[in-house]
Protein backbone atom coordinates (compact mmCIF):
# COMPACT_ATOMS: atom_id res chain seq x y z
CA MET A 1 11.63 -19.30 -5.63
CA LYS A 2 9.02 -19.71 -3.55
CA PHE A 3 8.20 -16.65 -1.83
CA ASN A 4 10.53 -16.68 1.85
CA THR A 5 13.37 -17.51 -0.37
CA LYS A 6 12.44 -14.51 -2.31
CA VAL A 7 12.03 -12.45 -0.25
CA ILE A 8 16.05 -12.38 0.44
CA HIS A 9 17.41 -14.27 -2.73
CA GLY A 10 15.17 -12.19 -5.74
CA GLY A 11 16.82 -10.76 -7.45
CA GLN A 12 19.35 -9.85 -6.25
CA HIS A 13 23.47 -10.38 -6.59
CA HIS A 14 26.61 -9.85 -4.21
CA ASP A 15 28.11 -6.57 -4.46
CA PRO A 16 30.96 -7.16 -7.55
CA SER A 17 33.44 -5.25 -6.58
CA THR A 18 33.86 -6.68 -2.56
CA GLY A 19 31.88 -9.57 -2.56
CA ALA A 20 29.46 -7.94 -0.18
CA VAL A 21 26.34 -10.18 0.50
CA MET A 22 24.04 -6.49 1.44
CA PRO A 23 24.28 -4.21 -1.18
CA PRO A 24 26.14 -1.11 0.12
CA VAL A 25 25.13 2.58 0.91
CA TYR A 26 25.97 4.10 -2.33
CA GLN A 27 25.66 7.82 -1.22
CA THR A 28 26.67 9.23 -4.27
CA SER A 29 25.53 12.09 -5.91
CA THR A 30 27.14 11.08 -9.52
CA PHE A 31 28.78 8.91 -10.89
CA VAL A 32 32.47 9.03 -13.40
CA GLN A 33 32.60 9.57 -16.35
CA THR A 34 35.95 8.42 -19.19
CA SER A 35 34.54 10.58 -21.57
CA PRO A 36 32.22 12.63 -21.92
CA GLY A 37 28.96 11.17 -22.71
CA LYS A 38 30.72 8.23 -21.73
CA PRO A 39 30.22 6.59 -18.08
CA LEU A 40 32.24 3.37 -16.22
CA ASN A 41 29.59 1.31 -16.09
CA PRO A 42 26.92 2.77 -18.64
CA ASP A 43 23.60 2.00 -16.03
CA TYR A 44 25.04 5.00 -14.00
CA GLU A 45 25.34 7.94 -14.03
CA TYR A 46 23.03 10.73 -11.13
CA SER A 47 21.40 9.37 -9.05
CA ARG A 48 18.53 10.15 -10.02
CA ALA A 49 18.47 8.20 -12.92
CA ALA A 50 19.42 5.30 -11.14
CA ASN A 51 21.62 4.56 -7.90
CA PRO A 52 22.70 0.90 -6.45
CA THR A 53 21.72 0.82 -3.46
CA ARG A 54 17.70 2.24 -4.85
CA THR A 55 18.65 -0.88 -7.70
CA ALA A 56 19.25 -3.55 -5.48
CA LEU A 57 15.68 -2.14 -3.92
CA GLU A 58 14.56 -1.74 -7.00
CA ASN A 59 14.73 -5.91 -8.22
CA ALA A 60 13.70 -7.12 -5.39
CA LEU A 61 10.05 -5.41 -5.41
CA ALA A 62 9.75 -6.58 -9.47
CA SER A 63 10.70 -10.10 -7.59
CA ILE A 64 8.70 -10.67 -4.83
CA GLU A 65 5.24 -8.92 -6.69
CA ASN A 66 6.42 -10.85 -10.29
CA GLY A 67 6.78 -7.82 -11.73
CA THR A 68 9.36 -7.19 -15.41
CA ARG A 69 10.56 -3.38 -13.71
CA GLY A 70 9.88 -2.25 -9.85
CA LEU A 71 10.73 2.06 -9.57
CA ALA A 72 11.71 3.16 -5.79
CA PHE A 73 9.75 6.52 -4.86
CA SER A 74 10.35 9.19 -2.25
CA SER A 75 6.83 8.08 -0.96
CA GLY A 76 3.62 6.16 -2.20
CA LEU A 77 2.18 9.38 -2.89
CA ALA A 78 5.09 10.22 -4.94
CA ALA A 79 4.26 6.85 -6.69
CA THR A 80 1.15 7.34 -7.19
CA ASP A 81 1.36 11.23 -8.45
CA CYS A 82 3.93 9.32 -10.77
CA VAL A 83 1.57 6.86 -12.08
CA LEU A 84 -1.71 10.29 -12.45
CA ARG A 85 1.21 12.45 -14.51
CA SER A 86 0.48 9.69 -17.94
CA PHE A 87 -2.64 11.03 -18.46
CA LYS A 88 -3.96 15.31 -19.62
CA ALA A 89 -6.49 16.76 -19.80
CA GLY A 90 -9.93 14.91 -21.35
CA ASP A 91 -8.72 11.84 -19.96
CA GLU A 92 -10.81 10.11 -16.53
CA ILE A 93 -10.42 7.66 -13.90
CA ILE A 94 -12.55 5.38 -11.75
CA ALA A 95 -11.73 5.10 -8.60
CA MET A 96 -12.69 3.05 -5.41
CA ASP A 97 -14.73 5.23 -3.04
CA ASP A 98 -13.13 4.08 -0.30
CA LEU A 99 -9.36 5.38 -0.58
CA TYR A 100 -6.73 6.32 1.71
CA GLY A 101 -7.33 10.21 2.59
CA GLY A 102 -3.78 10.79 0.70
CA THR A 103 -4.57 9.21 -3.00
CA TYR A 104 -8.76 11.08 -2.08
CA ARG A 105 -6.60 14.19 -1.47
CA MET A 106 -5.09 14.13 -4.65
CA PHE A 107 -6.97 13.07 -7.12
CA THR A 108 -9.68 15.66 -6.00
CA ARG A 109 -7.45 18.92 -5.03
CA ILE A 110 -3.79 18.65 -6.32
CA TYR A 111 -5.54 17.37 -10.00
CA LYS A 112 -8.76 19.16 -9.88
CA ASP A 113 -7.41 21.43 -11.78
CA SER A 114 -5.55 19.44 -14.10
CA GLY A 115 -8.88 18.39 -16.67
CA ILE A 116 -8.60 14.32 -16.12
CA VAL A 117 -12.09 13.87 -14.65
CA PHE A 118 -12.28 10.99 -11.82
CA HIS A 119 -15.09 8.93 -10.50
CA PHE A 120 -15.44 6.83 -7.94
CA VAL A 121 -17.65 4.42 -7.10
CA ASP A 122 -18.22 0.51 -5.17
CA MET A 123 -16.04 -1.13 -7.09
CA ASN A 124 -18.56 -4.22 -6.24
CA ASP A 125 -21.60 -3.34 -8.46
CA LEU A 126 -19.34 -4.43 -11.00
CA GLU A 127 -22.22 -3.18 -13.98
CA LYS A 128 -21.85 0.59 -12.09
CA PHE A 129 -18.52 0.32 -12.21
CA LYS A 130 -18.96 -0.32 -16.16
CA SER A 131 -21.08 2.22 -16.49
CA LEU A 132 -19.00 4.56 -16.17
CA ILE A 133 -16.29 3.67 -18.81
CA ASN A 134 -16.21 4.82 -21.93
CA GLU A 135 -13.51 6.19 -24.48
CA LYS A 136 -11.76 8.52 -22.37
CA THR A 137 -11.36 6.41 -19.34
CA LYS A 138 -7.75 5.63 -18.88
CA LEU A 139 -6.83 3.58 -15.92
CA VAL A 140 -8.71 2.61 -13.06
CA TRP A 141 -7.26 2.82 -9.40
CA VAL A 142 -8.46 0.08 -6.55
CA GLU A 143 -7.55 -0.58 -3.08
CA THR A 144 -8.23 -4.08 -1.20
CA PRO A 145 -8.48 -4.79 1.88
CA THR A 146 -9.43 -0.79 1.53
CA ASN A 147 -8.12 1.32 4.48
CA PRO A 148 -10.04 1.62 6.72
CA LEU A 149 -12.97 0.17 6.20
CA MET A 150 -11.34 -3.16 4.64
CA LYS A 151 -12.87 -3.61 1.64
CA LEU A 152 -12.21 -5.99 -1.05
CA ALA A 153 -12.12 -5.54 -4.81
CA ASP A 154 -11.99 -8.37 -6.73
CA ILE A 155 -8.93 -8.21 -8.73
CA GLN A 156 -9.65 -10.77 -11.46
CA GLU A 157 -13.06 -9.08 -12.65
CA ILE A 158 -12.11 -6.14 -13.21
CA ALA A 159 -9.02 -6.88 -14.38
CA LYS A 160 -11.30 -9.07 -17.41
CA ILE A 161 -13.31 -5.98 -18.05
CA THR A 162 -10.08 -3.31 -17.66
CA LYS A 163 -8.68 -5.64 -20.49
CA VAL A 164 -11.58 -5.47 -22.81
CA ASN A 165 -11.24 -1.87 -22.65
CA ASN A 166 -7.69 -0.89 -23.21
CA ILE A 167 -7.73 0.36 -19.84
CA LEU A 168 -4.39 0.23 -17.26
CA PHE A 169 -5.52 -1.44 -13.21
CA ALA A 170 -3.66 -0.03 -10.99
CA VAL A 171 -3.42 -1.74 -7.12
CA ASP A 172 -3.18 -0.02 -4.38
CA ASN A 173 -1.28 -3.30 -2.11
CA THR A 174 -0.52 -1.60 0.86
CA PHE A 175 -2.44 -3.39 3.21
CA ALA A 176 -2.11 -7.33 1.67
CA THR A 177 1.60 -6.60 0.74
CA PRO A 178 2.14 -9.49 -1.57
CA TYR A 179 2.77 -12.14 0.86
CA LEU A 180 -0.95 -12.37 1.16
CA GLN A 181 -2.07 -10.97 -2.56
CA LYS A 182 -0.15 -10.91 -5.39
CA PRO A 183 -2.32 -8.15 -7.89
CA LEU A 184 -0.30 -8.63 -11.59
CA ASP A 185 -0.72 -12.48 -11.19
CA LEU A 186 -4.55 -11.13 -11.41
CA GLY A 187 -3.80 -9.11 -14.06
CA ALA A 188 -3.23 -5.72 -12.59
CA ASP A 189 -0.84 -3.81 -14.76
CA ILE A 190 0.70 -2.01 -12.32
CA VAL A 191 1.58 -2.60 -8.37
CA MET A 192 1.31 0.74 -5.97
CA HIS A 193 3.39 0.67 -1.95
CA SER A 194 3.34 2.64 0.32
CA ALA A 195 6.94 1.33 1.22
CA THR A 196 6.37 2.64 4.93
CA LYS A 197 4.00 -0.12 5.92
CA TYR A 198 4.27 -3.41 5.83
CA LEU A 199 7.31 -3.84 3.29
CA GLY A 200 9.79 -1.41 5.57
CA GLY A 201 8.17 -2.70 9.02
CA HIS A 202 9.71 -0.61 11.33
CA SER A 203 8.24 2.95 10.99
CA ASP A 204 11.68 4.34 10.59
CA VAL A 205 11.74 5.17 6.61
CA ILE A 206 9.57 6.83 4.14
CA ALA A 207 9.44 5.29 1.24
CA GLY A 208 6.76 4.49 -1.96
CA ALA A 209 7.34 1.99 -5.19
CA LEU A 210 5.45 0.31 -8.18
CA ILE A 211 6.07 -2.64 -9.49
CA VAL A 212 4.78 -3.91 -13.06
CA LYS A 213 4.87 -6.47 -16.18
CA ASP A 214 5.46 -4.65 -18.95
CA GLN A 215 8.48 -3.37 -19.74
CA ALA A 216 7.30 0.04 -21.65
CA LEU A 217 5.44 0.80 -19.12
CA GLY A 218 7.12 0.45 -16.88
CA ASP A 219 10.19 2.65 -18.78
CA GLN A 220 7.59 5.15 -19.03
CA LEU A 221 7.22 5.07 -15.67
CA HIS A 222 11.13 5.22 -15.05
CA PHE A 223 11.08 8.71 -17.00
CA GLN A 224 8.43 9.91 -15.67
CA GLN A 225 10.13 9.56 -13.11
CA PHE A 226 13.24 10.96 -13.35
CA ALA A 227 11.98 13.79 -14.67
CA THR A 228 10.34 14.84 -11.78
CA GLY A 229 12.86 13.86 -9.18
CA ALA A 230 10.25 11.69 -6.48
CA THR A 231 12.73 8.82 -6.00
CA LEU A 232 14.17 6.96 -2.87
CA GLY A 233 17.06 8.00 -1.57
CA PRO A 234 20.27 4.99 -0.99
CA MET A 235 19.69 4.61 2.52
CA ASP A 236 16.30 4.53 2.18
CA SER A 237 16.45 2.32 -0.76
CA PHE A 238 18.35 -0.07 2.39
CA LEU A 239 16.62 0.21 4.52
CA VAL A 240 13.38 -1.16 2.62
CA LEU A 241 14.81 -3.68 1.42
CA ARG A 242 16.98 -4.52 4.79
CA GLY A 243 13.04 -4.44 5.73
CA ILE A 244 11.34 -6.90 2.97
CA LYS A 245 14.62 -9.67 3.61
CA THR A 246 11.68 -10.05 6.86
CA LEU A 247 8.38 -9.60 5.39
CA HIS A 248 7.23 -13.25 5.27
CA LEU A 249 7.88 -14.09 8.24
CA ARG A 250 6.33 -10.64 10.28
CA VAL A 251 3.68 -10.57 8.33
CA GLN A 252 2.22 -14.14 9.22
CA ARG A 253 2.46 -13.10 13.25
CA HIS A 254 1.11 -10.02 12.11
CA CYS A 255 -1.86 -12.51 10.61
CA GLU A 256 -2.00 -14.81 13.40
CA ASN A 257 -2.48 -11.98 16.11
CA GLY A 258 -5.06 -10.16 14.14
CA ALA A 259 -7.22 -12.91 13.96
CA LYS A 260 -6.86 -12.73 18.01
CA VAL A 261 -7.49 -9.21 18.04
CA VAL A 262 -10.23 -9.79 16.34
CA GLU A 263 -11.71 -12.95 17.51
CA PHE A 264 -12.20 -10.75 21.21
CA LEU A 265 -13.22 -7.68 20.19
CA SER A 266 -16.10 -9.60 17.59
CA ASN A 267 -17.55 -10.91 20.82
CA HIS A 268 -17.49 -7.75 23.09
CA PRO A 269 -20.04 -5.51 24.73
CA LYS A 270 -18.77 -2.91 23.99
CA ILE A 271 -18.65 -3.69 20.05
CA ASN A 272 -20.38 -2.93 17.28
CA ARG A 273 -18.81 -3.90 14.63
CA VAL A 274 -15.46 -5.22 13.81
CA TYR A 275 -14.00 -4.56 10.14
CA TYR A 276 -11.69 -8.06 9.07
CA PRO A 277 -11.74 -9.26 5.41
CA GLY A 278 -11.50 -12.91 7.52
CA LEU A 279 -13.93 -12.76 9.02
CA PRO A 280 -17.09 -14.78 7.89
CA SER A 281 -19.14 -12.15 8.42
CA HIS A 282 -17.66 -10.09 6.06
CA PRO A 283 -19.35 -8.78 2.92
CA TYR A 284 -16.70 -9.25 0.38
CA HIS A 285 -14.77 -12.75 3.29
CA GLU A 286 -15.88 -14.90 0.00
CA ILE A 287 -13.36 -12.24 -2.44
CA ALA A 288 -10.56 -12.21 -0.02
CA LYS A 289 -10.31 -15.60 0.36
CA LYS A 290 -10.36 -15.97 -3.59
CA GLN A 291 -7.56 -13.90 -4.12
CA MET A 292 -5.74 -14.01 -0.14
CA SER A 293 -3.31 -16.26 0.84
CA GLY A 294 -4.05 -15.01 4.59
CA PHE A 295 -6.21 -12.09 5.88
CA GLY A 296 -3.31 -9.15 7.20
CA GLY A 297 -2.98 -7.97 10.74
CA MET A 298 -5.06 -4.55 9.76
CA VAL A 299 -8.33 -4.54 11.68
CA SER A 300 -11.20 -1.67 11.79
CA PHE A 301 -14.28 -1.17 14.59
CA THR A 302 -16.78 0.58 15.77
CA PHE A 303 -18.37 1.45 18.73
CA ALA A 304 -22.26 0.08 20.09
CA SER A 305 -22.36 3.73 21.21
CA GLY A 306 -21.86 5.09 18.22
CA LYS A 307 -19.73 7.83 19.94
CA LYS A 308 -16.40 9.85 19.07
CA GLU A 309 -15.84 9.98 22.78
CA ASP A 310 -16.12 6.50 23.53
CA ALA A 311 -13.12 6.26 20.99
CA ILE A 312 -10.96 8.97 21.85
CA ASP A 313 -11.58 7.85 25.55
CA PHE A 314 -10.25 4.27 24.68
CA LEU A 315 -7.35 5.95 22.36
CA GLU A 316 -6.65 7.44 25.06
CA LYS A 317 -6.08 5.04 27.51
CA LEU A 318 -3.98 2.83 25.20
CA LYS A 319 -0.82 1.87 26.54
CA VAL A 320 0.93 -0.41 24.53
CA PHE A 321 -0.33 0.03 21.36
CA THR A 322 1.16 3.29 20.05
CA LEU A 323 -1.97 6.16 19.16
CA ALA A 324 -0.56 7.31 15.92
CA GLU A 325 -0.68 7.66 12.21
CA SER A 326 1.26 5.43 10.12
CA LEU A 327 0.42 0.97 9.47
CA GLY A 328 2.68 -1.94 9.19
CA GLY A 329 5.08 -1.56 11.77
CA VAL A 330 6.79 -4.32 13.62
CA GLU A 331 4.79 -2.14 16.79
CA SER A 332 0.62 -1.88 17.39
CA LEU A 333 -0.57 1.30 15.70
CA ALA A 334 -4.22 2.60 16.30
CA ASN A 335 -5.66 5.42 14.56
CA HIS A 336 -8.67 7.56 14.26
CA PRO A 337 -9.21 8.00 11.09
CA ALA A 338 -11.87 10.75 11.07
CA LEU A 339 -9.51 12.68 12.75
CA MET A 340 -6.17 11.78 11.70
CA THR A 341 -5.11 9.67 8.60
CA HIS A 342 -8.58 10.41 6.36
CA ALA A 343 -9.39 14.77 7.51
CA SER A 344 -8.98 15.46 4.72
CA ILE A 345 -12.32 13.91 3.37
CA PRO A 346 -15.19 15.95 3.71
CA GLU A 347 -17.09 15.20 6.17
CA ALA A 348 -20.18 14.60 4.55
CA LYS A 349 -17.70 12.15 2.15
CA ARG A 350 -16.74 10.94 4.55
CA LYS A 351 -20.27 9.88 6.26
CA GLU A 352 -20.93 8.67 2.98
CA VAL A 353 -18.99 5.50 3.04
CA GLY A 354 -18.98 4.96 6.43
CA ILE A 355 -15.94 6.60 7.97
CA THR A 356 -18.03 7.40 11.34
CA ASP A 357 -16.57 9.03 14.22
CA ASP A 358 -16.70 6.14 16.49
CA LEU A 359 -14.24 4.47 14.57
CA VAL A 360 -11.07 2.89 15.37
CA ARG A 361 -8.39 1.48 12.90
CA LEU A 362 -5.73 -0.35 14.67
CA SER A 363 -2.42 -1.91 12.63
CA VAL A 364 -1.69 -4.94 14.89
CA GLY A 365 1.73 -5.68 15.64
CA ILE A 366 4.25 -8.90 15.80
CA GLU A 367 3.98 -8.15 20.24
CA ASP A 368 2.91 -11.04 22.28
CA ALA A 369 -1.14 -11.62 21.34
CA GLU A 370 -1.78 -11.70 24.74
CA ASP A 371 -0.37 -8.01 25.57
CA LEU A 372 -2.01 -6.64 23.01
CA ILE A 373 -5.45 -8.54 23.48
CA ALA A 374 -5.07 -7.50 27.84
CA ASP A 375 -4.11 -3.85 26.97
CA LEU A 376 -7.51 -4.40 24.36
CA ILE A 377 -9.17 -4.61 27.65
CA GLN A 378 -8.48 -2.12 29.96
CA ALA A 379 -9.27 0.23 27.65
CA LEU A 380 -12.41 -0.28 27.34
CA VAL A 381 -12.47 -0.49 30.31
């Protein structure tokens, strides 16, 4: 199947008991057994281990990322945490230096006393990256594009290095979505999504996902999920699965609108720098062209004045864009990373990676582009 067909049919089957086209919401915690230790259906004993609605979603996740197994979690951070539970004191993890604030917080605060050592590096400096690798290195964690600076990492080149060194390679594919980028096909071992964002697509669910190619790795991660309990409920699974069925249509419009917003911002006298991988001036534009089929709907920019006050004034004036955290929904959202999504990152670290106080991040939705640009015009006055 091609992608547009996969999002609707990939890994999906009509309900065997009723013929329902959409999988029912199996709102049940447990399943009948015909004899002690003998479930009526061997696949289902208790919903923390497996639930038919969640299974339908997990099959769809595996299909659209070209993996062998998908796992659905209660949040993107729960999915990330499940991966980290694979490691022990003394192990080392190399991560990209520009990360979602919640990921950075987990790595540096929740796991700070675990004995796991984290290194943060610009993944485009492959020599520096390689210099950090040793026999204790167990995982490389990358976002591409990154949140909020739209940095990219060359998945294929990093995968060559991790394969030679027998290191697991995980890619947060939230911003790109499998419509635009398929990390497993490029050599990654694990793909993570905050399914809250584009996969769900309607700002009505919190969810996460992991997808892998290696069956044994998938079984290990499923055991860790089952044993620690961060599973996605059946209703939320249904909502994400429903969202996936229109992913291709939505992301196509996100890309179209994103490009128009970028063109407007790039020519506005009050704007200093626009961060968008589709711009030829973007430092990693060539990587984007190589590994992405489009450039997405996420845009960040700074002000010519460099003033935090100008960013706040702009955000308070918006009418169509909604000032709120999160991204990837049908509605356009605006965010101030330093005060909102990345506030948990220390100020010195934010400045080091380039998250300035005048930086604004937009999640460009699927409204009429003319209305979005009119909103930006009036907010920039």
